[in-house]
Amino acid sequence: MDAIKLLLFVPFIGFLGLLPYANKIEPYIWGMPFLLFWVAFWMVMASIILMIVYKFDPDNKGSESE
């Protein structure tokens, strides 16, 4: 497994591993309860991390012509 693919574990840990620590209503961030902000934040971060892995994955360097 390439080292860049280890980044794929970060959203998993953020979503599920740290969720018990984020399970609270207060404080409100941008008008959202903290738990809703936490989930929305990790959805955005997961997309960014997937984009980084796609960009720097050495297995993805081949051409797509058949």
N, C-alpha and C. Protein backbone atom coordinates (compact mmCIF):
# COMPACT_ATOMS: atom_id res chain seq x y z
N MET A 1 0.85 -1.18 0.00
CA MET A 1 0.00 0.00 0.00
C MET A 1 0.90 1.24 0.00
N ASP A 2 0.55 2.16 -0.83
CA ASP A 2 1.31 3.41 -0.91
C ASP A 2 1.04 4.27 0.31
N ALA A 3 2.02 5.08 0.65
CA ALA A 3 1.89 5.95 1.83
C ALA A 3 0.78 6.97 1.64
N ILE A 4 0.55 7.43 0.40
CA ILE A 4 -0.50 8.43 0.17
C ILE A 4 -1.89 7.87 0.46
N LYS A 5 -2.04 6.55 0.28
CA LYS A 5 -3.34 5.93 0.52
C LYS A 5 -3.67 5.82 2.01
N LEU A 6 -2.68 6.01 2.86
CA LEU A 6 -2.95 6.02 4.30
C LEU A 6 -3.78 7.24 4.70
N LEU A 7 -3.79 8.27 3.86
CA LEU A 7 -4.64 9.44 4.13
C LEU A 7 -6.12 9.07 4.12
N LEU A 8 -6.47 7.97 3.48
CA LEU A 8 -7.88 7.57 3.41
C LEU A 8 -8.44 7.16 4.77
N PHE A 9 -7.57 6.88 5.73
CA PHE A 9 -8.02 6.54 7.07
C PHE A 9 -8.39 7.77 7.89
N VAL A 10 -7.92 8.93 7.50
CA VAL A 10 -8.17 10.16 8.27
C VAL A 10 -9.66 10.49 8.35
N PRO A 11 -10.42 10.49 7.23
CA PRO A 11 -11.86 10.77 7.37
C PRO A 11 -12.59 9.71 8.19
N PHE A 12 -12.17 8.46 8.07
CA PHE A 12 -12.79 7.40 8.85
C PHE A 12 -12.61 7.65 10.34
N ILE A 13 -11.40 8.01 10.72
CA ILE A 13 -11.12 8.30 12.13
C ILE A 13 -11.88 9.55 12.57
N GLY A 14 -11.93 10.55 11.71
CA GLY A 14 -12.64 11.78 12.06
C GLY A 14 -14.14 11.58 12.21
N PHE A 15 -14.73 10.82 11.27
CA PHE A 15 -16.17 10.58 11.33
C PHE A 15 -16.55 9.70 12.51
N LEU A 16 -15.94 8.56 12.61
CA LEU A 16 -16.39 7.57 13.58
C LEU A 16 -15.57 7.54 14.86
N GLY A 17 -14.27 7.67 14.74
CA GLY A 17 -13.42 7.56 15.91
C GLY A 17 -13.56 8.71 16.88
N LEU A 18 -13.71 9.90 16.36
CA LEU A 18 -13.80 11.09 17.21
C LEU A 18 -15.23 11.56 17.44
N LEU A 19 -16.19 10.86 16.88
CA LEU A 19 -17.59 11.28 17.02
C LEU A 19 -18.07 11.32 18.46
N PRO A 20 -17.70 10.37 19.33
CA PRO A 20 -18.17 10.49 20.72
C PRO A 20 -17.70 11.77 21.42
N TYR A 21 -16.56 12.31 21.01
CA TYR A 21 -16.07 13.55 21.61
C TYR A 21 -16.78 14.77 21.04
N ALA A 22 -17.38 14.63 19.86
CA ALA A 22 -18.05 15.75 19.22
C ALA A 22 -19.56 15.71 19.44
N ASN A 23 -20.04 14.74 20.16
CA ASN A 23 -21.48 14.56 20.35
C ASN A 23 -22.00 15.54 21.41
N LYS A 24 -22.16 16.79 20.98
CA LYS A 24 -22.71 17.82 21.85
C LYS A 24 -23.39 18.88 20.98
N ILE A 25 -24.27 19.60 21.59
CA ILE A 25 -25.02 20.62 20.85
C ILE A 25 -24.29 21.96 20.89
N GLU A 26 -23.83 22.34 22.06
CA GLU A 26 -23.12 23.61 22.22
C GLU A 26 -21.66 23.40 21.88
N PRO A 27 -20.95 24.27 21.33
CA PRO A 27 -21.29 25.60 20.83
C PRO A 27 -21.92 25.53 19.44
N TYR A 28 -22.56 26.58 19.06
CA TYR A 28 -23.10 26.70 17.71
C TYR A 28 -22.02 27.31 16.82
N ILE A 29 -21.78 26.69 15.69
CA ILE A 29 -20.78 27.19 14.74
C ILE A 29 -21.51 27.46 13.43
N TRP A 30 -21.47 28.70 12.98
CA TRP A 30 -22.18 29.15 11.78
C TRP A 30 -23.66 28.79 11.83
N GLY A 31 -24.24 28.87 13.00
CA GLY A 31 -25.66 28.63 13.20
C GLY A 31 -26.04 27.16 13.29
N MET A 32 -25.05 26.27 13.28
CA MET A 32 -25.33 24.84 13.35
C MET A 32 -24.88 24.30 14.70
N PRO A 33 -25.61 23.32 15.24
CA PRO A 33 -25.09 22.66 16.43
C PRO A 33 -23.74 22.00 16.11
N PHE A 34 -22.93 21.82 17.12
CA PHE A 34 -21.57 21.34 16.90
C PHE A 34 -21.53 20.00 16.18
N LEU A 35 -22.43 19.08 16.52
CA LEU A 35 -22.43 17.77 15.88
C LEU A 35 -22.72 17.87 14.39
N LEU A 36 -23.66 18.71 14.02
CA LEU A 36 -23.97 18.90 12.60
C LEU A 36 -22.79 19.54 11.88
N PHE A 37 -22.15 20.52 12.52
CA PHE A 37 -20.95 21.12 11.94
C PHE A 37 -19.85 20.07 11.78
N TRP A 38 -19.68 19.21 12.78
CA TRP A 38 -18.65 18.16 12.74
C TRP A 38 -18.85 17.25 11.53
N VAL A 39 -20.06 16.81 11.32
CA VAL A 39 -20.35 15.91 10.20
C VAL A 39 -20.15 16.64 8.87
N ALA A 40 -20.62 17.87 8.76
CA ALA A 40 -20.44 18.63 7.52
C ALA A 40 -18.96 18.91 7.26
N PHE A 41 -18.21 19.22 8.31
CA PHE A 41 -16.77 19.47 8.18
C PHE A 41 -16.06 18.23 7.65
N TRP A 42 -16.39 17.07 8.18
CA TRP A 42 -15.71 15.86 7.74
C TRP A 42 -16.16 15.41 6.36
N MET A 43 -17.34 15.78 5.94
CA MET A 43 -17.75 15.50 4.56
C MET A 43 -16.90 16.31 3.59
N VAL A 44 -16.68 17.58 3.91
CA VAL A 44 -15.83 18.42 3.06
C VAL A 44 -14.39 17.94 3.10
N MET A 45 -13.89 17.61 4.29
CA MET A 45 -12.51 17.14 4.42
C MET A 45 -12.31 15.81 3.70
N ALA A 46 -13.30 14.92 3.73
CA ALA A 46 -13.19 13.65 3.02
C ALA A 46 -13.08 13.89 1.52
N SER A 47 -13.84 14.83 1.00
CA SER A 47 -13.76 15.15 -0.42
C SER A 47 -12.39 15.71 -0.78
N ILE A 48 -11.86 16.58 0.05
CA ILE A 48 -10.54 17.17 -0.20
C ILE A 48 -9.46 16.09 -0.12
N ILE A 49 -9.54 15.22 0.86
CA ILE A 49 -8.55 14.16 1.00
C ILE A 49 -8.63 13.18 -0.17
N LEU A 50 -9.83 12.86 -0.62
CA LEU A 50 -9.97 11.98 -1.79
C LEU A 50 -9.37 12.63 -3.03
N MET A 51 -9.53 13.94 -3.17
CA MET A 51 -8.94 14.65 -4.30
C MET A 51 -7.41 14.60 -4.22
N ILE A 52 -6.85 14.77 -3.04
CA ILE A 52 -5.40 14.71 -2.86
C ILE A 52 -4.87 13.32 -3.18
N VAL A 53 -5.55 12.29 -2.69
CA VAL A 53 -5.11 10.92 -2.96
C VAL A 53 -5.20 10.63 -4.45
N TYR A 54 -6.26 11.05 -5.10
CA TYR A 54 -6.40 10.83 -6.54
C TYR A 54 -5.29 11.53 -7.31
N LYS A 55 -4.95 12.74 -6.90
CA LYS A 55 -3.94 13.53 -7.60
C LYS A 55 -2.54 12.94 -7.46
N PHE A 56 -2.20 12.45 -6.27
CA PHE A 56 -0.83 12.01 -6.00
C PHE A 56 -0.65 10.49 -5.98
N ASP A 57 -1.67 9.73 -6.32
CA ASP A 57 -1.56 8.27 -6.33
C ASP A 57 -0.74 7.83 -7.54
N PRO A 58 0.36 7.11 -7.32
CA PRO A 58 1.17 6.68 -8.45
C PRO A 58 0.48 5.66 -9.35
N ASP A 59 -0.51 4.94 -8.84
CA ASP A 59 -1.26 3.99 -9.66
C ASP A 59 -2.18 4.69 -10.66
N ASN A 60 -2.39 5.96 -10.51
CA ASN A 60 -3.32 6.73 -11.33
C ASN A 60 -2.61 7.47 -12.47
N LYS A 61 -1.37 7.19 -12.73
CA LYS A 61 -0.60 7.94 -13.72
C LYS A 61 -0.75 7.43 -15.14
N GLY A 62 -1.37 6.30 -15.36
CA GLY A 62 -1.50 5.73 -16.70
C GLY A 62 -2.50 6.47 -17.55
N SER A 63 -2.43 6.22 -18.84
CA SER A 63 -3.41 6.84 -19.75
C SER A 63 -4.70 6.04 -19.74
N GLU A 64 -5.77 6.71 -20.12
CA GLU A 64 -7.08 6.06 -20.08
C GLU A 64 -7.51 5.58 -21.47
N SER A 65 -6.64 5.64 -22.46
CA SER A 65 -7.01 5.17 -23.79
C SER A 65 -7.00 3.65 -23.82
N GLU A 66 -7.93 3.11 -24.62
CA GLU A 66 -8.06 1.65 -24.69
C GLU A 66 -7.51 1.12 -25.97
